[in-house]
Amino acid sequence: MADFADFDSFFGPDPAWAALPASPAMNLRELDDAYELSLALPDADPSNLDVRLDGRLLSVSSHQDTRTASTSSSQSFSSRVLLPGPVDPDASFQVTNENSRICIRIPKPAAATASGKP
């Protein structure tokens, strides 16, 4: 039984784990002409997101401060995703808020969409 003395602490709450910032749920899908990344950020304003594309590496970050008369909070997140295939380096990507989800659409190169291959 001595081997199991610390067993409960293994599954107990870890203060360091609880202190980590929450990351939004993410979904990446490949369409014929683009890649779409959706993030579960219900109250996010697309203009407050920092979205950068470096080759196939898509970086998304946000920082939002909220203040009321009695409280204040600060939320931030940062995420990077390697897209599965080529992207059009000259095309601009779209960032929208659809049904409380941020949607980032990155076009594929014209040659990839014409041949049906990334």
Protein backbone atom coordinates (compact mmCIF):
# COMPACT_ATOMS: atom_id res chain seq x y z
CA MET A 1 0.00 0.00 0.00
CA ALA A 2 2.94 2.33 0.43
CA ASP A 3 3.25 2.50 -3.38
CA PHE A 4 -0.22 4.01 -3.59
CA ALA A 5 0.19 6.60 -0.82
CA ASP A 6 0.80 9.44 -3.28
CA PHE A 7 -1.62 8.15 -5.92
CA ASP A 8 -4.31 10.77 -5.19
CA SER A 9 -1.86 13.64 -5.55
CA PHE A 10 -1.01 12.41 -9.06
CA PHE A 11 -4.59 13.06 -10.20
CA GLY A 12 -5.20 16.09 -7.99
CA PRO A 13 -5.31 19.66 -9.31
CA ASP A 14 -1.95 21.15 -10.14
CA PRO A 15 -1.72 24.90 -9.43
CA ALA A 16 0.77 25.41 -12.28
CA TRP A 17 -1.56 23.67 -14.74
CA ALA A 18 -4.54 25.73 -13.56
CA ALA A 19 -2.57 28.96 -14.02
CA LEU A 20 -1.94 28.34 -17.74
CA PRO A 21 -4.01 30.54 -20.05
CA ALA A 22 -6.88 28.88 -21.85
CA SER A 23 -6.37 28.23 -25.53
CA PRO A 24 -9.32 28.50 -27.89
CA ALA A 25 -10.50 25.42 -29.73
CA MET A 26 -9.15 25.41 -33.28
CA ASN A 27 -10.16 23.68 -36.48
CA LEU A 28 -8.24 23.70 -39.77
CA ARG A 29 -9.84 22.50 -42.97
CA GLU A 30 -8.61 22.37 -46.53
CA LEU A 31 -10.93 23.48 -49.31
CA ASP A 32 -10.35 23.32 -53.07
CA ASP A 33 -9.24 26.96 -53.25
CA ALA A 34 -8.21 27.86 -49.69
CA TYR A 35 -7.40 26.81 -46.14
CA GLU A 36 -9.77 27.84 -43.35
CA LEU A 37 -8.78 28.12 -39.73
CA SER A 38 -11.58 28.66 -37.23
CA LEU A 39 -11.05 29.63 -33.60
CA ALA A 40 -13.58 29.56 -30.77
CA LEU A 41 -13.31 33.18 -29.62
CA PRO A 42 -16.94 34.19 -28.93
CA ASP A 43 -16.49 37.91 -28.19
CA ALA A 44 -13.43 38.56 -30.33
CA ASP A 45 -13.27 41.44 -32.76
CA PRO A 46 -11.38 40.39 -35.92
CA SER A 47 -9.68 43.81 -36.00
CA ASN A 48 -8.07 43.07 -32.60
CA LEU A 49 -6.32 39.95 -33.88
CA ASP A 50 -2.75 39.96 -35.11
CA VAL A 51 -2.69 37.51 -38.02
CA ARG A 52 0.57 36.93 -39.90
CA LEU A 53 1.52 34.56 -42.66
CA ASP A 54 5.18 33.65 -43.17
CA GLY A 55 5.34 31.11 -45.97
CA ARG A 56 3.11 28.29 -44.76
CA LEU A 57 3.32 29.32 -41.09
CA LEU A 58 0.17 31.09 -39.89
CA SER A 59 0.50 32.99 -36.58
CA VAL A 60 -2.52 34.32 -34.71
CA SER A 61 -2.39 36.30 -31.48
CA SER A 62 -4.69 38.52 -29.49
CA HIS A 63 -4.66 40.61 -26.33
CA GLN A 64 -7.82 42.03 -24.80
CA ASP A 65 -8.25 44.06 -21.61
CA THR A 66 -11.69 44.37 -20.01
CA ARG A 67 -12.44 46.83 -17.23
CA THR A 68 -15.59 47.53 -15.25
CA ALA A 69 -16.15 49.69 -12.20
CA SER A 70 -15.16 46.86 -9.85
CA THR A 71 -13.05 44.44 -11.88
CA SER A 72 -10.52 44.20 -14.63
CA SER A 73 -9.28 41.25 -16.64
CA SER A 74 -6.77 40.61 -19.33
CA GLN A 75 -6.86 37.78 -21.84
CA SER A 76 -4.28 36.87 -24.42
CA PHE A 77 -3.40 33.94 -26.60
CA SER A 78 -0.97 33.08 -29.33
CA SER A 79 -1.00 30.15 -31.70
CA ARG A 80 0.93 29.03 -34.78
CA VAL A 81 -0.19 26.54 -37.40
CA LEU A 82 1.78 25.08 -40.28
CA LEU A 83 -0.56 24.93 -43.26
CA PRO A 84 -0.53 21.57 -45.09
CA GLY A 85 0.34 22.93 -48.53
CA PRO A 86 1.35 26.00 -50.54
CA VAL A 87 -0.35 29.36 -50.12
CA ASP A 88 -0.60 32.32 -52.45
CA PRO A 89 2.04 34.74 -51.12
CA ASP A 90 0.46 37.73 -52.89
CA ALA A 91 -3.16 37.12 -51.93
CA SER A 92 -4.64 38.70 -48.85
CA PHE A 93 -6.37 36.50 -46.29
CA GLN A 94 -9.79 37.21 -44.83
CA VAL A 95 -10.56 37.36 -41.10
CA THR A 96 -14.24 37.29 -40.12
CA ASN A 97 -16.41 36.51 -37.10
CA GLU A 98 -18.99 33.89 -38.07
CA ASN A 99 -21.37 32.51 -35.43
CA SER A 100 -19.02 33.49 -32.56
CA ARG A 101 -16.04 31.84 -34.26
CA ILE A 102 -13.16 33.68 -35.85
CA CYS A 103 -12.62 32.37 -39.38
CA ILE A 104 -9.34 32.98 -41.23
CA ARG A 105 -9.37 32.09 -44.93
CA ILE A 106 -6.01 31.78 -46.72
CA PRO A 107 -6.12 31.34 -50.54
CA LYS A 108 -4.15 28.61 -52.27
CA PRO A 109 -2.05 29.46 -55.33
CA ALA A 110 -4.03 29.55 -58.60
CA ALA A 111 -1.94 26.67 -60.06
CA ALA A 112 -2.82 24.42 -57.09
CA THR A 113 -6.55 25.07 -57.39
CA ALA A 114 -6.53 24.55 -61.18
CA SER A 115 -4.80 21.18 -60.96
CA GLY A 116 -6.71 20.08 -57.86
CA LYS A 117 -3.44 19.40 -56.04
CA PRO A 118 -1.86 21.48 -53.26
